[in-house]
Amino acid sequence: MSERNLNPHAEERLAMALWSEDYAFKQRGGSMDFWDSRTPAQKALCVQIVTGILDAVEKNGRAHPSGEQP
């Protein structure tokens, strides 16, 4: 397996979660090979979601597992 497939970026990790059935049962190859198989619209959706999450982290911090605020 290539180094690229061992170190997927955030958008690819999201794609694996959103289309987990495809990733688990239909695709062949590694994680980044799966990313390469996504449509431009699917990739754009992942980029949009990750960008929103990163913006929220910067402005509002992270959630705590207990649900309590720091």
PDB file of N, CA and C in Angstrom:
ATOM      1  N   MET A   1       0.855  -1.178   0.000  1.00  0.00           N
ATOM      2  CA  MET A   1       0.000   0.000   0.000  1.00  0.00           C
ATOM      3  C   MET A   1       0.898   1.237   0.000  1.00  0.00           C
ATOM      4  N   SER A   2       0.504   2.223  -0.742  1.00  0.00           N
ATOM      5  CA  SER A   2       1.320   3.429  -0.863  1.00  0.00           C
ATOM      6  C   SER A   2       1.245   4.282   0.403  1.00  0.00           C
ATOM      7  N   GLU A   3       2.278   5.079   0.590  1.00  0.00           N
ATOM      8  CA  GLU A   3       2.323   6.019   1.723  1.00  0.00           C
ATOM      9  C   GLU A   3       1.111   6.952   1.686  1.00  0.00           C
ATOM     10  N   ARG A   4       0.718   7.343   0.483  1.00  0.00           N
ATOM     11  CA  ARG A   4      -0.438   8.227   0.283  1.00  0.00           C
ATOM     12  C   ARG A   4      -1.695   7.623   0.894  1.00  0.00           C
ATOM     13  N   ASN A   5      -1.890   6.329   0.713  1.00  0.00           N
ATOM     14  CA  ASN A   5      -3.079   5.672   1.244  1.00  0.00           C
ATOM     15  C   ASN A   5      -3.023   5.492   2.756  1.00  0.00           C
ATOM     16  N   LEU A   6      -1.831   5.533   3.321  1.00  0.00           N
ATOM     17  CA  LEU A   6      -1.690   5.370   4.765  1.00  0.00           C
ATOM     18  C   LEU A   6      -1.930   6.667   5.525  1.00  0.00           C
ATOM     19  N   ASN A   7      -1.940   7.801   4.821  1.00  0.00           N
ATOM     20  CA  ASN A   7      -2.066   9.107   5.467  1.00  0.00           C
ATOM     21  C   ASN A   7      -3.141   9.951   4.788  1.00  0.00           C
ATOM     22  N   PRO A   8      -4.408   9.542   4.881  1.00  0.00           N
ATOM     23  CA  PRO A   8      -5.466  10.307   4.210  1.00  0.00           C
ATOM     24  C   PRO A   8      -5.679  11.674   4.866  1.00  0.00           C
ATOM     25  N   HIS A   9      -6.056  12.639   4.054  1.00  0.00           N
ATOM     26  CA  HIS A   9      -6.343  13.978   4.578  1.00  0.00           C
ATOM     27  C   HIS A   9      -7.742  13.997   5.210  1.00  0.00           C
ATOM     28  N   ALA A  10      -8.054  15.103   5.853  1.00  0.00           N
ATOM     29  CA  ALA A  10      -9.319  15.218   6.593  1.00  0.00           C
ATOM     30  C   ALA A  10     -10.529  14.985   5.703  1.00  0.00           C
ATOM     31  N   GLU A  11     -10.492  15.538   4.499  1.00  0.00           N
ATOM     32  CA  GLU A  11     -11.638  15.389   3.594  1.00  0.00           C
ATOM     33  C   GLU A  11     -11.847  13.930   3.211  1.00  0.00           C
ATOM     34  N   GLU A  12     -10.770  13.188   3.045  1.00  0.00           N
ATOM     35  CA  GLU A  12     -10.897  11.756   2.735  1.00  0.00           C
ATOM     36  C   GLU A  12     -11.447  10.985   3.913  1.00  0.00           C
ATOM     37  N   ARG A  13     -11.038  11.339   5.108  1.00  0.00           N
ATOM     38  CA  ARG A  13     -11.589  10.670   6.299  1.00  0.00           C
ATOM     39  C   ARG A  13     -13.099  10.893   6.388  1.00  0.00           C
ATOM     40  N   LEU A  14     -13.527  12.088   6.050  1.00  0.00           N
ATOM     41  CA  LEU A  14     -14.957  12.374   6.035  1.00  0.00           C
ATOM     42  C   LEU A  14     -15.649  11.565   4.946  1.00  0.00           C
ATOM     43  N   ALA A  15     -15.055  11.499   3.770  1.00  0.00           N
ATOM     44  CA  ALA A  15     -15.638  10.716   2.673  1.00  0.00           C
ATOM     45  C   ALA A  15     -15.811   9.257   3.076  1.00  0.00           C
ATOM     46  N   MET A  16     -14.833   8.700   3.784  1.00  0.00           N
ATOM     47  CA  MET A  16     -14.943   7.312   4.234  1.00  0.00           C
ATOM     48  C   MET A  16     -16.136   7.138   5.173  1.00  0.00           C
ATOM     49  N   ALA A  17     -16.420   8.149   5.982  1.00  0.00           N
ATOM     50  CA  ALA A  17     -17.553   8.071   6.902  1.00  0.00           C
ATOM     51  C   ALA A  17     -18.880   8.277   6.172  1.00  0.00           C
ATOM     52  N   LEU A  18     -18.925   9.276   5.285  1.00  0.00           N
ATOM     53  CA  LEU A  18     -20.178   9.572   4.581  1.00  0.00           C
ATOM     54  C   LEU A  18     -20.604   8.437   3.659  1.00  0.00           C
ATOM     55  N   TRP A  19     -19.652   7.850   2.986  1.00  0.00           N
ATOM     56  CA  TRP A  19     -19.946   6.776   2.036  1.00  0.00           C
ATOM     57  C   TRP A  19     -19.292   5.490   2.515  1.00  0.00           C
ATOM     58  N   SER A  20     -19.522   5.182   3.793  1.00  0.00           N
ATOM     59  CA  SER A  20     -18.859   4.050   4.443  1.00  0.00           C
ATOM     60  C   SER A  20     -19.203   2.705   3.805  1.00  0.00           C
ATOM     61  N   GLU A  21     -20.409   2.541   3.328  1.00  0.00           N
ATOM     62  CA  GLU A  21     -20.758   1.270   2.687  1.00  0.00           C
ATOM     63  C   GLU A  21     -19.947   1.082   1.407  1.00  0.00           C
ATOM     64  N   ASP A  22     -19.834   2.139   0.614  1.00  0.00           N
ATOM     65  CA  ASP A  22     -19.007   2.057  -0.594  1.00  0.00           C
ATOM     66  C   ASP A  22     -17.558   1.764  -0.224  1.00  0.00           C
ATOM     67  N   TYR A  23     -17.059   2.457   0.793  1.00  0.00           N
ATOM     68  CA  TYR A  23     -15.668   2.267   1.194  1.00  0.00           C
ATOM     69  C   TYR A  23     -15.434   0.841   1.687  1.00  0.00           C
ATOM     70  N   ALA A  24     -16.352   0.323   2.471  1.00  0.00           N
ATOM     71  CA  ALA A  24     -16.175  -0.987   3.079  1.00  0.00           C
ATOM     72  C   ALA A  24     -16.397  -2.139   2.103  1.00  0.00           C
ATOM     73  N   PHE A  25     -17.365  -1.996   1.206  1.00  0.00           N
ATOM     74  CA  PHE A  25     -17.775  -3.155   0.420  1.00  0.00           C
ATOM     75  C   PHE A  25     -17.594  -3.056  -1.088  1.00  0.00           C
ATOM     76  N   LYS A  26     -17.475  -1.855  -1.616  1.00  0.00           N
ATOM     77  CA  LYS A  26     -17.488  -1.720  -3.067  1.00  0.00           C
ATOM     78  C   LYS A  26     -16.162  -1.296  -3.682  1.00  0.00           C
ATOM     79  N   GLN A  27     -15.352  -0.600  -2.933  1.00  0.00           N
ATOM     80  CA  GLN A  27     -14.127  -0.065  -3.519  1.00  0.00           C
ATOM     81  C   GLN A  27     -12.976  -1.055  -3.412  1.00  0.00           C
ATOM     82  N   ARG A  28     -12.013  -0.842  -4.268  1.00  0.00           N
ATOM     83  CA  ARG A  28     -10.778  -1.626  -4.228  1.00  0.00           C
ATOM     84  C   ARG A  28      -9.629  -0.635  -4.113  1.00  0.00           C
ATOM     85  N   GLY A  29      -8.715  -0.907  -3.227  1.00  0.00           N
ATOM     86  CA  GLY A  29      -7.585  -0.008  -3.043  1.00  0.00           C
ATOM     87  C   GLY A  29      -7.612   0.599  -1.663  1.00  0.00           C
ATOM     88  N   GLY A  30      -6.805   1.623  -1.494  1.00  0.00           N
ATOM     89  CA  GLY A  30      -6.680   2.277  -0.206  1.00  0.00           C
ATOM     90  C   GLY A  30      -7.574   3.492  -0.079  1.00  0.00           C
ATOM     91  N   SER A  31      -7.387   4.207   1.031  1.00  0.00           N
ATOM     92  CA  SER A  31      -8.257   5.334   1.337  1.00  0.00           C
ATOM     93  C   SER A  31      -8.177   6.443   0.294  1.00  0.00           C
ATOM     94  N   MET A  32      -6.989   6.785  -0.154  1.00  0.00           N
ATOM     95  CA  MET A  32      -6.870   7.856  -1.132  1.00  0.00           C
ATOM     96  C   MET A  32      -7.322   7.398  -2.523  1.00  0.00           C
ATOM     97  N   ASP A  33      -7.236   6.107  -2.791  1.00  0.00           N
ATOM     98  CA  ASP A  33      -7.813   5.578  -4.031  1.00  0.00           C
ATOM     99  C   ASP A  33      -9.330   5.771  -3.996  1.00  0.00           C
ATOM    100  N   PHE A  34      -9.907   5.592  -2.822  1.00  0.00           N
ATOM    101  CA  PHE A  34     -11.345   5.821  -2.660  1.00  0.00           C
ATOM    102  C   PHE A  34     -11.665   7.294  -2.915  1.00  0.00           C
ATOM    103  N   TRP A  35     -10.854   8.187  -2.368  1.00  0.00           N
ATOM    104  CA  TRP A  35     -11.047   9.619  -2.603  1.00  0.00           C
ATOM    105  C   TRP A  35     -11.018   9.917  -4.098  1.00  0.00           C
ATOM    106  N   ASP A  36     -10.070   9.342  -4.790  1.00  0.00           N
ATOM    107  CA  ASP A  36      -9.955   9.564  -6.231  1.00  0.00           C
ATOM    108  C   ASP A  36     -11.210   9.121  -6.978  1.00  0.00           C
ATOM    109  N   SER A  37     -11.947   8.169  -6.417  1.00  0.00           N
ATOM    110  CA  SER A  37     -13.150   7.650  -7.077  1.00  0.00           C
ATOM    111  C   SER A  37     -14.407   8.484  -6.794  1.00  0.00           C
ATOM    112  N   ARG A  38     -14.321   9.433  -5.879  1.00  0.00           N
ATOM    113  CA  ARG A  38     -15.474  10.277  -5.559  1.00  0.00           C
ATOM    114  C   ARG A  38     -15.707  11.270  -6.692  1.00  0.00           C
ATOM    115  N   THR A  39     -16.948  11.676  -6.836  1.00  0.00           N
ATOM    116  CA  THR A  39     -17.298  12.649  -7.866  1.00  0.00           C
ATOM    117  C   THR A  39     -16.823  14.042  -7.438  1.00  0.00           C
ATOM    118  N   PRO A  40     -16.717  14.970  -8.387  1.00  0.00           N
ATOM    119  CA  PRO A  40     -16.362  16.338  -7.998  1.00  0.00           C
ATOM    120  C   PRO A  40     -17.340  16.927  -6.973  1.00  0.00           C
ATOM    121  N   ALA A  41     -18.622  16.626  -7.103  1.00  0.00           N
ATOM    122  CA  ALA A  41     -19.613  17.132  -6.144  1.00  0.00           C
ATOM    123  C   ALA A  41     -19.392  16.534  -4.755  1.00  0.00           C
ATOM    124  N   GLN A  42     -19.058  15.263  -4.678  1.00  0.00           N
ATOM    125  CA  GLN A  42     -18.794  14.632  -3.387  1.00  0.00           C
ATOM    126  C   GLN A  42     -17.545  15.228  -2.743  1.00  0.00           C
ATOM    127  N   LYS A  43     -16.512  15.434  -3.539  1.00  0.00           N
ATOM    128  CA  LYS A  43     -15.288  16.043  -3.011  1.00  0.00           C
ATOM    129  C   LYS A  43     -15.565  17.456  -2.514  1.00  0.00           C
ATOM    130  N   ALA A  44     -16.336  18.220  -3.278  1.00  0.00           N
ATOM    131  CA  ALA A  44     -16.667  19.595  -2.878  1.00  0.00           C
ATOM    132  C   ALA A  44     -17.452  19.598  -1.569  1.00  0.00           C
ATOM    133  N   LEU A  45     -18.371  18.659  -1.400  1.00  0.00           N
ATOM    134  CA  LEU A  45     -19.138  18.557  -0.164  1.00  0.00           C
ATOM    135  C   LEU A  45     -18.203  18.307   1.019  1.00  0.00           C
ATOM    136  N   CYS A  46     -17.265  17.396   0.865  1.00  0.00           N
ATOM    137  CA  CYS A  46     -16.322  17.100   1.949  1.00  0.00           C
ATOM    138  C   CYS A  46     -15.478  18.319   2.291  1.00  0.00           C
ATOM    139  N   VAL A  47     -15.004  19.027   1.270  1.00  0.00           N
ATOM    140  CA  VAL A  47     -14.211  20.233   1.503  1.00  0.00           C
ATOM    141  C   VAL A  47     -15.046  21.273   2.253  1.00  0.00           C
ATOM    142  N   GLN A  48     -16.294  21.444   1.833  1.00  0.00           N
ATOM    143  CA  GLN A  48     -17.179  22.417   2.472  1.00  0.00           C
ATOM    144  C   GLN A  48     -17.413  22.066   3.940  1.00  0.00           C
ATOM    145  N   ILE A  49     -17.661  20.819   4.241  1.00  0.00           N
ATOM    146  CA  ILE A  49     -17.924  20.395   5.621  1.00  0.00           C
ATOM    147  C   ILE A  49     -16.674  20.563   6.479  1.00  0.00           C
ATOM    148  N   VAL A  50     -15.529  20.107   5.985  1.00  0.00           N
ATOM    149  CA  VAL A  50     -14.292  20.228   6.767  1.00  0.00           C
ATOM    150  C   VAL A  50     -13.944  21.695   7.002  1.00  0.00           C
ATOM    151  N   THR A  51     -14.123  22.530   5.999  1.00  0.00           N
ATOM    152  CA  THR A  51     -13.863  23.962   6.163  1.00  0.00           C
ATOM    153  C   THR A  51     -14.756  24.551   7.250  1.00  0.00           C
ATOM    154  N   GLY A  52     -16.034  24.181   7.244  1.00  0.00           N
ATOM    155  CA  GLY A  52     -16.951  24.649   8.283  1.00  0.00           C
ATOM    156  C   GLY A  52     -16.555  24.175   9.664  1.00  0.00           C
ATOM    157  N   ILE A  53     -16.102  22.947   9.762  1.00  0.00           N
ATOM    158  CA  ILE A  53     -15.662  22.411  11.049  1.00  0.00           C
ATOM    159  C   ILE A  53     -14.423  23.151  11.542  1.00  0.00           C
ATOM    160  N   LEU A  54     -13.461  23.351  10.659  1.00  0.00           N
ATOM    161  CA  LEU A  54     -12.239  24.063  11.059  1.00  0.00           C
ATOM    162  C   LEU A  54     -12.542  25.492  11.488  1.00  0.00           C
ATOM    163  N   ASP A  55     -13.447  26.161  10.787  1.00  0.00           N
ATOM    164  CA  ASP A  55     -13.858  27.511  11.181  1.00  0.00           C
ATOM    165  C   ASP A  55     -14.512  27.501  12.562  1.00  0.00           C
ATOM    166  N   ALA A  56     -15.372  26.523  12.802  1.00  0.00           N
ATOM    167  CA  ALA A  56     -16.048  26.426  14.097  1.00  0.00           C
ATOM    168  C   ALA A  56     -15.056  26.151  15.223  1.00  0.00           C
ATOM    169  N   VAL A  57     -14.078  25.294  14.966  1.00  0.00           N
ATOM    170  CA  VAL A  57     -13.056  25.010  15.983  1.00  0.00           C
ATOM    171  C   VAL A  57     -12.285  26.278  16.323  1.00  0.00           C
ATOM    172  N   GLU A  58     -11.917  27.035  15.289  1.00  0.00           N
ATOM    173  CA  GLU A  58     -11.159  28.264  15.512  1.00  0.00           C
ATOM    174  C   GLU A  58     -11.965  29.278  16.312  1.00  0.00           C
ATOM    175  N   LYS A  59     -13.253  29.403  16.010  1.00  0.00           N
ATOM    176  CA  LYS A  59     -14.092  30.408  16.676  1.00  0.00           C
ATOM    177  C   LYS A  59     -14.639  29.946  18.015  1.00  0.00           C
ATOM    178  N   ASN A  60     -14.965  28.664  18.120  1.00  0.00           N
ATOM    179  CA  ASN A  60     -15.712  28.188  19.285  1.00  0.00           C
ATOM    180  C   ASN A  60     -15.043  27.072  20.070  1.00  0.00           C
ATOM    181  N   GLY A  61     -13.895  26.602  19.623  1.00  0.00           N
ATOM    182  CA  GLY A  61     -13.217  25.523  20.332  1.00  0.00           C
ATOM    183  C   GLY A  61     -13.782  24.161  19.979  1.00  0.00           C
ATOM    184  N   ARG A  62     -13.486  23.203  20.810  1.00  0.00           N
ATOM    185  CA  ARG A  62     -13.897  21.815  20.593  1.00  0.00           C
ATOM    186  C   ARG A  62     -14.906  21.391  21.647  1.00  0.00           C
ATOM    187  N   ALA A  63     -15.687  20.399  21.312  1.00  0.00           N
ATOM    188  CA  ALA A  63     -16.627  19.814  22.267  1.00  0.00           C
ATOM    189  C   ALA A  63     -15.848  18.885  23.206  1.00  0.00           C
ATOM    190  N   HIS A  64     -16.352  18.751  24.406  1.00  0.00           N
ATOM    191  CA  HIS A  64     -15.755  17.839  25.368  1.00  0.00           C
ATOM    192  C   HIS A  64     -16.651  16.619  25.482  1.00  0.00           C
ATOM    193  N   PRO A  65     -16.067  15.424  25.612  1.00  0.00           N
ATOM    194  CA  PRO A  65     -16.868  14.207  25.655  1.00  0.00           C
ATOM    195  C   PRO A  65     -17.958  14.235  26.712  1.00  0.00           C
ATOM    196  N   SER A  66     -17.700  14.909  27.825  1.00  0.00           N
ATOM    197  CA  SER A  66     -18.697  14.965  28.906  1.00  0.00           C
ATOM    198  C   SER A  66     -19.846  15.916  28.587  1.00  0.00           C
ATOM    199  N   GLY A  67     -19.665  16.744  27.555  1.00  0.00           N
ATOM    200  CA  GLY A  67     -20.681  17.732  27.223  1.00  0.00           C
ATOM    201  C   GLY A  67     -20.529  19.027  28.001  1.00  0.00           C
ATOM    202  N   GLU A  68     -19.581  19.057  28.944  1.00  0.00           N
ATOM    203  CA  GLU A  68     -19.366  20.247  29.754  1.00  0.00           C
ATOM    204  C   GLU A  68     -18.442  21.217  29.026  1.00  0.00           C
ATOM    205  N   GLN A  69     -18.612  22.493  29.311  1.00  0.00           N
ATOM    206  CA  GLN A  69     -17.733  23.510  28.780  1.00  0.00           C
ATOM    207  C   GLN A  69     -16.510  23.631  29.671  1.00  0.00           C
ATOM    208  N   PRO A  70     -15.357  23.991  29.079  1.00  0.00           N
ATOM    209  CA  PRO A  70     -14.143  24.125  29.906  1.00  0.00           C
ATOM    210  C   PRO A  70     -14.257  25.300  30.870  1.00  0.00           C
TER     211      PRO A  70
END
